[in-house]
Amino acid sequence: MSRSLPTSPTDVGVDEVPTLEASVRDAARTAVGISGDITIPKWKVAAPTSARRRVLGLSLINASISLPLTTLLLLSPEIARDNNWTTTTVGGTVIAAAILAGLVGAPLSDRVPFNRRTAASVVFAVNSAVFALLMNLIPAFGWFLLVALARGVLFGLGAPIWRTLAFDSTVPEARARAIARTHMGTLIGSALGGACAWIAIAGLTIGTGQALLLSGILAVILSLGSLLLTETKVGGAEPDRLRRAMGQVDDPVAGLRPSWSESTLRVRSIPTVKFALTSYVAIGWCAGAALIVPVIRLSQARELTDGTAALVITIASAVAFLTLYLVARGLEKSVRRSPESLAAVIPVGLIIGFAGLLLIGLVRPVISPQLALATIGGFLAWVALDITMLSVIQPEDRPTAVGISLFSAIGGSLLALLVISAVSSLIGGSAAYAVAFAVASLPMILFWRRSKKLIRAVGPDLDARLGVDDETQDFDEAVAESGSVPVLSARNIDFAYGSVQVLFDVSMRVNEGEMVALLGPNGVGKTTLLRVLSGLESPQAGVVRLAGDNVTDVNASKRVALGLSQIVGGNAVFGSMTVYENLMMYGFSLGRDRASIKEGIDEAFQVFPKIADRRNQLGSTLSGGEQQMLGLSKALITKPKILVVDEFSLGLAPIVVGELLEMVRQLNARGTAILVVEQSVNVALNLVDRCYFMEKGEIVYEGNAKDLLAQPELVQALSLGGHPTAADSDPVTLDKSGSPA
């Protein structure tokens, strides 16, 4: 986010700078709920009525999802027997629906407009419950499969929205209790689903079909709780609080909806998220193992009656619900202390969960306490993990992160199912149960180690998201010292094609209204650097900023919208289109605003009359110079803050190059900053204000173009790939913003 710093580092004493940086970080963290104040008000005080309604609605939605699923899983042997199916068929259908939720539903959910989340939540929740009801009306496997898959897609569509709404529903200080309460809804549904199954299995008044129908009806009723939802801003109160605390202006990047692929790239580049996804696999593993407990007991050990197995699920869910309610205030204290304090809850929850799995196998025949322990641990880790992961992610990327975490959790459940089933089938007999769950508890060691890394990563990642990390503060200090924000800057960029590193710690900048050249022999990384600056490649390290905003993980099309355009030498024209059609095609980067597009085209024709004379001529029939003119004229349509031009004089006659240079000067005179990559050193130095020379993927020289023209020996050495000697020039040291120190 763009920050307006109240003071420059030069305005305070050296000893005061660390204190200033600490106060900025504290202000940012306080704005997102990490205040250090562990005085926890009552829920009604912490959350206004609208927030409590949203949380209640989301809790009921979660209950409507888990209720029919639990009933279906517990009654799967009876369903298979009554319909002459196999238990594997029923289980396989549930698995297919889960996979579809992760693969199809979650990515599609990312397309729901931010201002339509509430309406989408109602549609997905109610329809999911209706499909759960319809699943049981027609006893045909094709119908059962179709409806189950449709419900899986609906769940995948809704889950990312529901979980991000839970995160946004209250002020940050009350977030832990809000998310805990929505997860408690899942436990309510599991308890009710277990009760429906128990009534049917025990033969109390209703049979299997009636129990499934009852669970569907209850799910529909619970799903109507979605009507309690009200729309809230993306990020809730957090973005406004953060801007007020930090003196920030609106972030143009945050206003743009990222694509699924772009958002996935940004999310997966955050260390905390990488470690968190492993923990989601662990939670899914724990949940998957817990769900098949009754199946293993019934088919292998035969230590429980059918009705008791369902009753165990009901009791365990109820105990976990009560426990989560009691510990929610403690979780909120952890949120307020520090991000590391909350993240430390995750491995604790995982240990409790896997200890419960181990005890399920070792302590028999009573399994309600063991299963309750596994459920408590899993949900405790889940709540802490949701808050930890989403807190380090920008609000617009959170639905994508939830979708990825959903897929990870589903994968963990399927792995647990395969491992426990395979081990129990291989061993057989009563010993199978103990061995299977002992094996299921072994991954705890791996998950424990990864969660410890998560604890170390969350603090720096949160500061980076808030813009108070070391890199951002260093950039702000450099800007405060220079008095201006570069229109384009790159700092400490590393880039590799596979295992071959091409760019090494590259830093550079282009100031507003400036013309800068990037020079050097062939193969030194100039074009690769341009691709990184334009968003066509993602660096392994470093930061790219456009007008001060971090756009490192913003894709090329979004960077065009933010004011960066690139013209590639020899490749800027569609040959099968006319000049006018080329300009129209480029103009659509503005969206569907035809008036703005037409205005830009008219301006291009006015400034570049040669192009206007050929408006109906095919691009392929233009000369090389005319094609470059057409490429440059496109910049007048989008009116970029900075235009990046790659090898615009390549293969052109000197007289044509002279015309192009004049066009570039006209564009610059209109306020567009220019970055030129050019092999012709003389052409570039007569055009630009400053220049950078690259050699072997590094910036080896930065200086004033006029000064360099007066040193032909130095120009020759740099052009041939040689470093400037001490006699030629003093070495140039770049500061952290890419400026000369």
Foldseek 3Di string as FASTA:
>chain_A
DFFDDPAFPVVDDPVCVVVVLVLLLQLLLVLLQQNQDLDDDDPCVQFPPLLVLLLLLLLLLLLLQQQLVLLCLLCLCVLCVVLVHDSCLSVVLLLLLLLLLLPPQLQVLLPPDLQCLLVLLLVLSLLLLLLLLVLLPDSDSVSVSVSSNVSSSSCSNNQLSSLQCLQQSGRSLLSLVSLLSSVLSNLNNQLNNLVLNLCQQVVPPDHSSVSSNVSSVSSNVSSCSSVSHDRAGQNHSSVVSLCVSRVGDDDPVLVDQARLVLLVVVLCLALLLVLLLLLLLLLLLLVLLLSCLVVCCVPFVVQDRSSVSSNLSNLLSVLLSVVSNVCSSVLSSQSNNALLSLLVQQLVLSLQLLVLLLCPLVDDDDNSVSSSSNSNSSSSNVSSSSCLSVLLGRSSSSSSSSSSSSSSSSNSSVVSVVQLVVQLVVVGHSNSSNVSSVVSSVCSVVSSVSSVVSSVRRRQSNCVSSQSHPLSVQQVNVCSVVVAFFQKWKFQFWAADVPRTQAGGAIATFHWLFEEEEEEDPRNCPVVVVCQQQQVDATPDIFMDGRSHTCRSPHNLVVLVVFEAEQEQPPQFDQAAFLQVSLVVLLCSPPPPVVLSVVLVVVLCVVPVVSVVRRRPGLNPDDSLVNLSSSLSSCSSSVGSEYEYEAHCPPHDPVSLVVVLVSVVVSSVVTHYYYYYHLPLVSRLVRGQKYFFGARNYTQDIDGSVVVVVQVVCVVCRHVRHHDDPVRDDGFDARRRNHTD
